[in-house]
Amino acid sequence: MDTLLGDAAERLFAHTCTPALLRAAEQGHSIAAAWQACEDAGFADALVPEAQGGAGLDLADALPVVLAAGRHLCPYPIAHTVLARAWLARAGHAVPTGSIAIAAHGLSMQQDRIVGINVPWARVADHILAYADGQVWLLPVAAGCVAPHGVHGSLDGDASWALHAAVRVKGGAALEELAAIAYAGLIAGAMDRVLAMTLDYANQRTQFGKPIGRFQAVQQQISVMAEHVWAARMAAQLAFQGRGGQPQALMAALGKARTSQAAPLAADIAHAVHGAIGITAEFDLQCYTRRLRDWRLAGGSESYWQARIGAAALSSHRDALTYLRTELQEAAA
């Protein structure tokens, strides 16, 4: 199933989610056709139970789709949508059409409005599944006021909604872990693509009569990057362990912490190998490294999730080795 679903996602995203489309989305142009192709392929309902019209797959089955979305920088929140639709279906709520972004942080009630800063995917999503003041809300983007927040090329934005436009969602588990694993998978996929781009460039760019990839210093840097890329991939696999479409809390924390830690390191090495060309607007590398830095912070940075893991470890009153062998490993199993 992993290979079939992942291969299908790779083909679709390679065809529809080109760097040109991403740049168009950053400039505010419509990407409705690309999203509709993804919707028609059925990826968005992969985790929705069969009785409610979905494919009824397990959480781990969705990882190849999320990795592919990160690898191709899909300019719509397919990773969030897959998880949010399953969450809504299991909460007994009607699943809306269109894409859904998960905003577990940054929103609050202010008089008769729900106000958010750095709302993820606000410029391109159709709905926001948000947590604000102890409640979960489904917020239609078309009914809100959305504005860019000033970060170059970001698809996030500042937004607000009148309370009468918001739909309260009862039941279900917390959204934090869902956002964490979505970004963990996206980071791992994007890092994989950055490594491939760096290897290609190092084998093509020549200096002193030979490819720079044959210099030991460059090889050492790429080796370090490869270690972080595969560590991020394994962390994402751990994060996508769960039952009933809901991740294990500690595994989600571990996955997001490790991928967020790796993201800036991989981005820095990629730019070191590429040199000045890597930051030019025409070169695709900067599209990836900007996203890696955005996604590192989105849903909580590595320090946030490391603190969660540390608090859980301290509350267990066990030594570190026993904690790793028992609670974390049992959670993964």
Protein backbone atom coordinates (compact mmCIF):
# COMPACT_ATOMS: atom_id res chain seq x y z
CA MET A 1 0.00 0.00 0.00
CA ASP A 2 2.83 2.42 0.87
CA THR A 3 4.44 1.97 -2.54
CA LEU A 4 1.19 2.24 -4.49
CA LEU A 5 -0.03 5.32 -2.66
CA GLY A 6 3.37 7.00 -2.57
CA ASP A 7 4.04 6.38 -6.25
CA ALA A 8 0.63 7.75 -7.21
CA ALA A 9 1.20 10.86 -5.11
CA GLU A 10 4.67 11.36 -6.60
CA ARG A 11 3.29 11.23 -10.13
CA LEU A 12 0.43 13.60 -9.40
CA PHE A 13 2.48 16.18 -7.49
CA ALA A 14 5.33 16.08 -10.01
CA HIS A 15 2.83 16.89 -12.76
CA THR A 16 0.68 19.48 -10.99
CA CYS A 17 2.84 21.06 -8.26
CA THR A 18 5.65 22.63 -10.23
CA PRO A 19 7.97 25.36 -8.92
CA ALA A 20 6.10 27.76 -11.21
CA LEU A 21 2.84 26.93 -9.44
CA LEU A 22 4.43 27.54 -6.05
CA ARG A 23 5.71 30.93 -7.16
CA ALA A 24 2.25 31.75 -8.51
CA ALA A 25 0.68 30.83 -5.16
CA GLU A 26 3.19 33.02 -3.33
CA GLN A 27 2.14 35.91 -5.55
CA GLY A 28 -1.55 35.36 -4.74
CA HIS A 29 -2.67 33.59 -7.92
CA SER A 30 -5.28 30.83 -7.86
CA ILE A 31 -4.14 27.22 -7.51
CA ALA A 32 -7.67 25.78 -7.64
CA ALA A 33 -6.94 23.46 -10.57
CA ALA A 34 -3.99 21.84 -8.80
CA TRP A 35 -5.99 21.31 -5.63
CA GLN A 36 -8.91 19.86 -7.59
CA ALA A 37 -6.59 17.31 -9.19
CA CYS A 38 -5.47 16.23 -5.73
CA GLU A 39 -9.08 16.10 -4.51
CA ASP A 40 -10.15 14.02 -7.51
CA ALA A 41 -7.32 11.56 -6.81
CA GLY A 42 -8.81 10.85 -3.39
CA PHE A 43 -5.74 11.55 -1.28
CA ALA A 44 -7.57 13.97 1.00
CA ASP A 45 -9.93 11.23 2.23
CA ALA A 46 -7.29 8.55 2.71
CA LEU A 47 -7.80 8.32 6.49
CA VAL A 48 -11.54 8.95 6.60
CA PRO A 49 -13.39 5.73 7.62
CA GLU A 50 -14.90 3.76 4.75
CA ALA A 51 -18.36 4.09 6.27
CA GLN A 52 -18.05 7.86 5.81
CA GLY A 53 -16.83 7.77 2.24
CA GLY A 54 -13.08 7.54 2.75
CA ALA A 55 -10.42 4.92 2.12
CA GLY A 56 -10.17 3.95 5.80
CA LEU A 57 -6.37 3.65 5.77
CA ASP A 58 -4.17 3.65 8.87
CA LEU A 59 -2.15 6.69 9.89
CA ALA A 60 1.15 5.19 8.72
CA ASP A 61 -0.33 4.68 5.24
CA ALA A 62 -0.65 8.44 4.79
CA LEU A 63 3.05 9.15 5.33
CA PRO A 64 4.10 8.52 1.68
CA VAL A 65 1.58 11.14 0.54
CA VAL A 66 2.87 13.67 3.06
CA LEU A 67 6.50 12.97 2.12
CA ALA A 68 5.64 13.46 -1.55
CA ALA A 69 3.87 16.72 -0.73
CA GLY A 70 6.98 17.97 1.03
CA ARG A 71 9.25 16.75 -1.76
CA HIS A 72 7.27 18.78 -4.31
CA LEU A 73 6.36 21.72 -2.04
CA CYS A 74 2.65 21.36 -2.72
CA PRO A 75 1.25 24.89 -2.36
CA TYR A 76 -1.90 23.69 -0.60
CA PRO A 77 -2.28 21.95 2.77
CA ILE A 78 -2.78 18.36 1.66
CA ALA A 79 -0.93 16.97 4.70
CA HIS A 80 -3.17 18.95 7.03
CA THR A 81 -6.29 18.08 5.05
CA VAL A 82 -5.70 14.33 5.23
CA LEU A 83 -5.39 14.50 9.02
CA ALA A 84 -8.10 17.12 9.59
CA ARG A 85 -10.75 15.29 7.56
CA ALA A 86 -10.13 12.07 9.51
CA TRP A 87 -10.24 14.03 12.79
CA LEU A 88 -13.56 15.67 11.89
CA ALA A 89 -15.09 12.40 10.69
CA ARG A 90 -14.18 10.60 13.90
CA ALA A 91 -15.48 13.54 15.94
CA GLY A 92 -18.87 13.05 14.27
CA HIS A 93 -18.69 16.35 12.41
CA ALA A 94 -19.58 16.86 8.76
CA VAL A 95 -16.43 16.98 6.64
CA PRO A 96 -16.42 20.08 4.42
CA THR A 97 -15.24 20.11 0.84
CA GLY A 98 -11.98 21.85 0.08
CA SER A 99 -8.63 21.99 1.81
CA ILE A 100 -8.28 22.32 5.58
CA ALA A 101 -5.31 23.72 7.51
CA ILE A 102 -4.72 22.89 11.17
CA ALA A 103 -3.95 25.82 13.48
CA ALA A 104 -3.26 24.50 16.97
CA HIS A 105 -1.61 27.73 18.14
CA GLY A 106 -1.84 31.46 17.64
CA LEU A 107 -5.62 32.07 17.71
CA SER A 108 -7.67 33.68 20.45
CA MET A 109 -11.08 35.18 21.13
CA GLN A 110 -11.17 38.98 21.08
CA GLN A 111 -14.65 40.34 21.86
CA ASP A 112 -16.87 38.93 19.11
CA ARG A 113 -14.08 37.78 16.78
CA ILE A 114 -11.58 34.94 16.50
CA VAL A 115 -8.21 36.46 15.69
CA GLY A 116 -5.05 34.67 14.61
CA ILE A 117 -1.48 35.56 13.75
CA ASN A 118 0.68 33.43 11.45
CA VAL A 119 -2.31 31.24 10.66
CA PRO A 120 -0.92 28.31 8.62
CA TRP A 121 -1.83 28.17 4.94
CA ALA A 122 -4.38 30.96 5.45
CA ARG A 123 -3.72 32.43 2.01
CA VAL A 124 -4.52 29.20 0.12
CA ALA A 125 -6.67 26.95 2.36
CA ASP A 126 -10.46 26.75 2.19
CA HIS A 127 -10.93 26.13 5.92
CA ILE A 128 -8.95 26.42 9.13
CA LEU A 129 -9.43 23.83 11.88
CA ALA A 130 -8.36 25.96 14.82
CA TYR A 131 -7.93 25.78 18.57
CA ALA A 132 -8.81 29.00 20.39
CA ASP A 133 -9.52 29.58 24.08
CA GLY A 134 -10.14 25.94 24.90
CA GLN A 135 -12.44 25.25 21.95
CA VAL A 136 -12.01 23.79 18.46
CA TRP A 137 -13.48 25.79 15.60
CA LEU A 138 -13.93 25.22 11.88
CA LEU A 139 -13.33 28.56 10.18
CA PRO A 140 -14.18 29.11 6.48
CA VAL A 141 -11.43 31.25 4.98
CA ALA A 142 -13.85 32.90 2.55
CA ALA A 143 -15.80 34.31 5.51
CA GLY A 144 -12.72 35.74 7.22
CA CYS A 145 -10.36 38.63 6.74
CA VAL A 146 -6.95 37.32 5.64
CA ALA A 147 -3.84 39.39 5.03
CA PRO A 148 -0.19 38.50 4.32
CA HIS A 149 1.96 38.84 7.43
CA GLY A 150 4.98 40.30 5.65
CA VAL A 151 7.21 37.22 5.40
CA HIS A 152 8.49 36.86 1.85
CA GLY A 153 6.70 34.10 -0.05
CA SER A 154 4.87 32.72 2.96
CA LEU A 155 1.48 31.09 2.41
CA ASP A 156 0.53 31.77 6.04
CA GLY A 157 -1.20 34.97 7.05
CA ASP A 158 -2.90 36.99 9.74
CA ALA A 159 -6.64 36.39 9.85
CA SER A 160 -9.81 37.07 11.81
CA TRP A 161 -13.40 35.84 11.74
CA ALA A 162 -16.65 37.13 13.15
CA LEU A 163 -17.89 34.68 15.74
CA HIS A 164 -21.11 34.01 13.80
CA ALA A 165 -19.03 32.69 10.86
CA ALA A 166 -17.23 30.13 13.03
CA VAL A 167 -18.51 26.60 13.57
CA ARG A 168 -17.73 25.04 16.94
CA VAL A 169 -16.56 21.41 16.77
CA LYS A 170 -17.25 19.23 19.80
CA GLY A 171 -15.36 16.11 20.76
CA GLY A 172 -12.18 14.68 19.37
CA ALA A 173 -8.60 14.81 20.59
CA ALA A 174 -6.16 17.71 20.65
CA LEU A 175 -4.94 19.25 17.41
CA GLU A 176 -1.33 19.82 18.47
CA GLU A 177 -0.12 16.34 17.63
CA LEU A 178 -1.87 16.39 14.25
CA ALA A 179 -0.10 19.61 13.26
CA ALA A 180 3.20 18.25 14.57
CA ILE A 181 3.18 15.07 12.49
CA ALA A 182 2.00 16.92 9.38
CA TYR A 183 5.00 19.23 9.52
CA ALA A 184 7.35 16.37 10.44
CA GLY A 185 6.38 14.56 7.24
CA LEU A 186 6.60 17.70 5.11
CA ILE A 187 10.04 18.57 6.49
CA ALA A 188 11.34 15.05 5.87
CA GLY A 189 10.07 15.11 2.28
CA ALA A 190 11.49 18.55 1.55
CA MET A 191 14.86 17.61 3.07
CA ASP A 192 15.01 14.56 0.84
CA ARG A 193 14.57 16.76 -2.22
CA VAL A 194 17.16 19.28 -0.99
CA LEU A 195 19.70 16.48 -0.59
CA ALA A 196 19.01 15.28 -4.15
CA MET A 197 19.40 18.83 -5.50
CA THR A 198 22.67 19.27 -3.62
CA LEU A 199 24.09 15.99 -4.88
CA ASP A 200 23.16 16.86 -8.47
CA TYR A 201 24.75 20.30 -8.20
CA ALA A 202 27.92 18.96 -6.59
CA ASN A 203 28.33 16.45 -9.43
CA GLN A 204 27.76 19.05 -12.15
CA ARG A 205 29.56 22.14 -10.83
CA THR A 206 33.26 22.01 -11.66
CA GLN A 207 36.16 23.81 -10.03
CA PHE A 208 39.87 23.35 -10.77
CA GLY A 209 38.93 20.95 -13.54
CA LYS A 210 36.75 18.49 -11.58
CA PRO A 211 33.28 18.34 -9.98
CA ILE A 212 33.18 19.94 -6.55
CA GLY A 213 31.57 16.75 -5.25
CA ARG A 214 34.98 15.09 -5.51
CA PHE A 215 36.50 17.43 -2.94
CA GLN A 216 36.72 15.86 0.49
CA ALA A 217 35.41 18.93 2.32
CA VAL A 218 32.26 18.98 0.17
CA GLN A 219 31.80 15.23 0.56
CA GLN A 220 31.99 15.58 4.32
CA GLN A 221 29.32 18.28 4.36
CA ILE A 222 26.99 16.25 2.15
CA SER A 223 27.53 13.21 4.36
CA VAL A 224 26.42 15.19 7.40
CA MET A 225 23.37 16.39 5.48
CA ALA A 226 22.50 12.83 4.47
CA GLU A 227 22.64 11.73 8.12
CA HIS A 228 20.13 14.42 9.07
CA VAL A 229 17.89 13.63 6.09
CA TRP A 230 17.59 9.98 7.03
CA ALA A 231 17.21 10.77 10.72
CA ALA A 232 14.33 13.08 9.78
CA ARG A 233 12.78 10.36 7.62
CA MET A 234 12.91 7.86 10.51
CA ALA A 235 11.52 10.47 12.91
CA ALA A 236 8.59 11.08 10.56
CA GLN A 237 7.94 7.34 10.40
CA LEU A 238 7.78 7.23 14.20
CA ALA A 239 5.48 10.26 14.26
CA PHE A 240 3.02 8.56 11.93
CA GLN A 241 2.43 5.68 14.33
CA GLY A 242 -0.99 5.75 15.92
CA ARG A 243 -4.47 4.32 16.13
CA GLY A 244 -7.74 5.53 14.71
CA GLY A 245 -6.12 8.35 12.75
CA GLN A 246 -4.68 9.90 15.92
CA PRO A 247 -0.92 9.88 16.59
CA GLN A 248 0.77 8.83 19.81
CA ALA A 249 1.53 12.03 21.73
CA LEU A 250 5.16 11.22 22.55
CA MET A 251 5.89 9.89 19.07
CA ALA A 252 4.45 13.07 17.54
CA ALA A 253 6.63 15.14 19.87
CA LEU A 254 9.72 13.12 19.01
CA GLY A 255 9.06 13.31 15.28
CA LYS A 256 8.54 17.06 15.19
CA ALA A 257 11.47 17.76 17.51
CA ARG A 258 13.93 15.76 15.42
CA THR A 259 12.78 17.02 12.03
CA SER A 260 12.72 20.64 13.21
CA GLN A 261 16.23 20.22 14.59
CA ALA A 262 17.47 18.86 11.27
CA ALA A 263 15.77 21.38 8.96
CA PRO A 264 18.08 24.42 9.37
CA LEU A 265 21.20 22.23 9.36
CA ALA A 266 20.27 20.69 6.02
CA ALA A 267 19.33 24.09 4.62
CA ASP A 268 22.64 25.64 5.69
CA ILE A 269 24.72 22.84 4.16
CA ALA A 270 22.76 22.99 0.91
CA HIS A 271 23.47 26.69 0.56
CA ALA A 272 27.12 26.20 1.49
CA VAL A 273 27.52 23.69 -1.34
CA HIS A 274 25.51 25.68 -3.88
CA GLY A 275 27.13 29.01 -3.09
CA ALA A 276 25.57 32.26 -4.25
CA ILE A 277 23.32 30.71 -6.90
CA GLY A 278 21.28 28.95 -4.21
CA ILE A 279 19.74 32.18 -2.92
CA THR A 280 18.73 33.63 -6.28
CA ALA A 281 15.01 33.96 -6.94
CA GLU A 282 15.25 31.96 -10.17
CA PHE A 283 16.87 28.95 -8.49
CA ASP A 284 14.51 26.47 -6.83
CA LEU A 285 16.69 25.73 -3.79
CA GLN A 286 15.64 28.87 -1.96
CA CYS A 287 11.98 27.85 -2.29
CA TYR A 288 12.77 24.69 -0.34
CA THR A 289 15.00 26.20 2.31
CA ARG A 290 12.50 28.97 3.03
CA ARG A 291 9.84 26.33 3.58
CA LEU A 292 12.14 24.29 5.80
CA ARG A 293 12.70 27.27 8.06
CA ASP A 294 8.97 28.07 8.13
CA TRP A 295 7.99 24.49 8.92
CA ARG A 296 10.67 24.20 11.59
CA LEU A 297 8.76 26.75 13.69
CA ALA A 298 5.23 25.87 12.56
CA GLY A 299 3.34 23.76 15.06
CA GLY A 300 6.10 24.27 17.63
CA SER A 301 9.87 24.28 17.18
CA GLU A 302 12.22 21.57 18.40
CA SER A 303 12.63 23.26 21.79
CA TYR A 304 8.87 23.25 22.35
CA TRP A 305 8.52 19.54 21.66
CA GLN A 306 11.73 18.63 23.45
CA ALA A 307 10.32 20.33 26.52
CA ARG A 308 7.19 18.18 26.20
CA ILE A 309 9.27 15.02 26.03
CA GLY A 310 11.40 16.16 28.95
CA ALA A 311 8.37 16.92 31.08
CA ALA A 312 6.94 13.46 30.33
CA ALA A 313 10.26 11.83 31.20
CA LEU A 314 10.55 13.69 34.51
CA SER A 315 6.98 12.87 35.48
CA SER A 316 7.66 9.15 34.94
CA HIS A 317 10.22 9.13 37.81
CA ARG A 318 12.38 6.66 35.88
CA ASP A 319 15.96 6.95 34.76
CA ALA A 320 16.55 8.03 31.16
CA LEU A 321 17.45 4.59 29.80
CA THR A 322 14.43 2.91 31.38
CA TYR A 323 12.17 5.66 30.08
CA LEU A 324 13.50 5.20 26.53
CA ARG A 325 13.20 1.41 26.72
CA THR A 326 9.70 1.36 28.18
CA GLU A 327 7.42 4.35 27.70
CA LEU A 328 8.78 5.66 24.39
CA GLN A 329 9.29 2.22 22.90
CA GLU A 330 5.90 1.01 24.12
CA ALA A 331 4.30 4.08 22.58
CA ALA A 332 5.98 3.29 19.28
CA ALA A 333 4.90 -0.34 19.45
